[in-house]
Amino acid sequence: MVGPGSVNNEIDFAVEKNNLYREEGYTDMKVASIRRLIPVTPDGEPDKNRTELFVGSTQIMTPQGPIPLQSMLPANNFTEALNAFPGAMEKAMGEMLEEFKKMQEKEQHKDDSRIIVPGR
């Protein structure tokens, strides 16, 4: 456990100076939130040798509360990111639902193995 005054030699807090990005955020105040990650050099200047990254996120409202969805957007520029957003979120939702089904099946199998049948 890491706390005040404790030392943990397993945690490396070194900054990856060759993997820095400046972040810009965009939203439509309704559904879409897009983060634009702009590569920068260790002195904060744009790094023209690396490409920008785009990350989309949204929330699905359920009776249990909001569920966040996030996905990398396959895009080379902001316009492409806007166009890629709907498909990426649909894919992320499909993957989340598939994972949820697997968890339900696993839980059901676990519950079935607890059933004691007399005479067996």
Protein backbone atom coordinates (compact mmCIF):
# COMPACT_ATOMS: atom_id res chain seq x y z
CA MET A 1 0.00 0.00 0.00
CA VAL A 2 1.32 3.43 -0.92
CA GLY A 3 0.67 6.19 1.56
CA PRO A 4 2.29 9.19 3.16
CA GLY A 5 5.84 8.40 4.15
CA SER A 6 5.87 4.99 2.46
CA VAL A 7 8.27 4.10 -0.33
CA ASN A 8 7.30 1.82 -3.19
CA ASN A 9 10.13 0.96 -5.56
CA GLU A 10 7.73 -0.75 -8.02
CA ILE A 11 6.10 2.47 -9.25
CA ASP A 12 7.88 4.33 -12.03
CA PHE A 13 6.77 7.96 -12.21
CA ALA A 14 9.15 8.88 -15.04
CA VAL A 15 7.53 10.86 -17.86
CA GLU A 16 7.81 9.30 -21.32
CA LYS A 17 9.32 12.38 -22.94
CA ASN A 18 9.13 10.91 -26.44
CA ASN A 19 5.40 10.13 -26.13
CA LEU A 20 3.91 13.51 -25.16
CA TYR A 21 0.62 14.90 -26.46
CA ARG A 22 -1.25 18.17 -26.07
CA GLU A 23 -4.94 17.54 -25.56
CA GLU A 24 -7.88 19.50 -26.96
CA GLY A 25 -11.48 18.68 -26.12
CA TYR A 26 -14.59 19.14 -28.26
CA THR A 27 -18.24 18.44 -27.48
CA ASP A 28 -21.62 18.97 -29.07
CA MET A 29 -23.13 19.31 -25.55
CA LYS A 30 -25.48 16.44 -26.43
CA VAL A 31 -23.85 13.14 -27.32
CA ALA A 32 -20.31 13.53 -28.58
CA SER A 33 -17.08 14.21 -26.78
CA ILE A 34 -13.90 14.06 -28.85
CA ARG A 35 -10.36 14.39 -27.55
CA ARG A 36 -7.74 15.49 -30.06
CA LEU A 37 -4.24 14.40 -29.01
CA ILE A 38 -1.57 16.45 -30.76
CA PRO A 39 1.96 15.02 -30.53
CA VAL A 40 4.53 17.38 -29.06
CA THR A 41 8.26 17.28 -28.45
CA PRO A 42 9.69 17.48 -24.91
CA ASP A 43 9.88 21.28 -25.29
CA GLY A 44 6.13 21.45 -26.07
CA GLU A 45 6.46 22.21 -29.77
CA PRO A 46 4.36 20.24 -32.32
CA ASP A 47 6.03 16.94 -33.29
CA LYS A 48 5.55 16.68 -37.06
CA ASN A 49 7.01 13.13 -37.08
CA ARG A 50 3.95 11.66 -35.33
CA THR A 51 0.26 11.79 -36.22
CA GLU A 52 -2.59 13.21 -34.21
CA LEU A 53 -4.86 10.79 -32.38
CA PHE A 54 -8.61 11.16 -31.83
CA VAL A 55 -10.58 9.53 -29.01
CA GLY A 56 -14.38 9.60 -28.90
CA SER A 57 -16.50 9.10 -25.83
CA THR A 58 -20.15 9.22 -24.84
CA GLN A 59 -22.51 7.80 -22.23
CA ILE A 60 -25.39 5.38 -22.57
CA MET A 61 -28.15 5.97 -20.03
CA THR A 62 -29.52 2.84 -18.35
CA PRO A 63 -31.90 2.28 -15.42
CA GLN A 64 -28.78 1.62 -13.31
CA GLY A 65 -27.17 4.89 -14.39
CA PRO A 66 -24.84 6.07 -17.14
CA ILE A 67 -22.40 3.68 -18.79
CA PRO A 68 -19.37 5.31 -20.45
CA LEU A 69 -18.25 4.31 -23.94
CA GLN A 70 -14.88 5.22 -25.39
CA SER A 71 -13.04 4.36 -28.59
CA MET A 72 -10.14 5.47 -30.72
CA LEU A 73 -11.46 7.18 -33.84
CA PRO A 74 -9.86 6.11 -37.12
CA ALA A 75 -9.15 9.58 -38.48
CA ASN A 76 -6.38 11.70 -39.95
CA ASN A 77 -8.07 15.01 -39.18
CA PHE A 78 -10.89 16.50 -37.12
CA THR A 79 -13.51 16.25 -39.90
CA GLU A 80 -12.76 12.55 -40.31
CA ALA A 81 -13.01 12.13 -36.52
CA LEU A 82 -16.48 13.73 -36.53
CA ASN A 83 -17.59 11.38 -39.29
CA ALA A 84 -16.04 8.31 -37.60
CA PHE A 85 -17.65 9.02 -34.22
CA PRO A 86 -21.09 7.35 -34.76
CA GLY A 87 -19.67 4.12 -36.14
CA ALA A 88 -16.96 3.91 -33.49
CA MET A 89 -19.51 4.38 -30.69
CA GLU A 90 -21.84 1.76 -32.21
CA LYS A 91 -18.91 -0.67 -32.39
CA ALA A 92 -17.88 0.12 -28.78
CA MET A 93 -21.46 -0.44 -27.63
CA GLY A 94 -21.63 -3.78 -29.47
CA GLU A 95 -18.36 -4.89 -27.86
CA MET A 96 -19.62 -3.78 -24.44
CA LEU A 97 -22.89 -5.72 -24.89
CA GLU A 98 -20.97 -8.81 -26.02
CA GLU A 99 -18.73 -8.58 -22.95
CA PHE A 100 -21.81 -8.14 -20.76
CA LYS A 101 -23.39 -11.29 -22.27
CA LYS A 102 -20.19 -13.25 -21.58
CA MET A 103 -20.22 -12.06 -17.98
CA GLN A 104 -23.89 -13.06 -17.61
CA GLU A 105 -23.22 -16.53 -19.06
CA LYS A 106 -20.26 -16.99 -16.75
CA GLU A 107 -22.34 -15.90 -13.76
CA GLN A 108 -25.22 -18.19 -14.83
CA HIS A 109 -22.84 -21.14 -15.16
CA LYS A 110 -21.44 -20.33 -11.73
CA ASP A 111 -24.98 -20.23 -10.25
CA ASP A 112 -25.92 -23.53 -11.98
CA SER A 113 -22.96 -25.29 -10.39
CA ARG A 114 -24.26 -24.35 -6.92
CA ILE A 115 -27.57 -26.16 -7.42
CA ILE A 116 -27.72 -29.35 -5.37
CA VAL A 117 -29.99 -32.00 -6.84
CA PRO A 118 -31.14 -34.68 -4.38
CA GLY A 119 -30.19 -38.20 -5.37
CA ARG A 120 -27.11 -37.23 -7.37
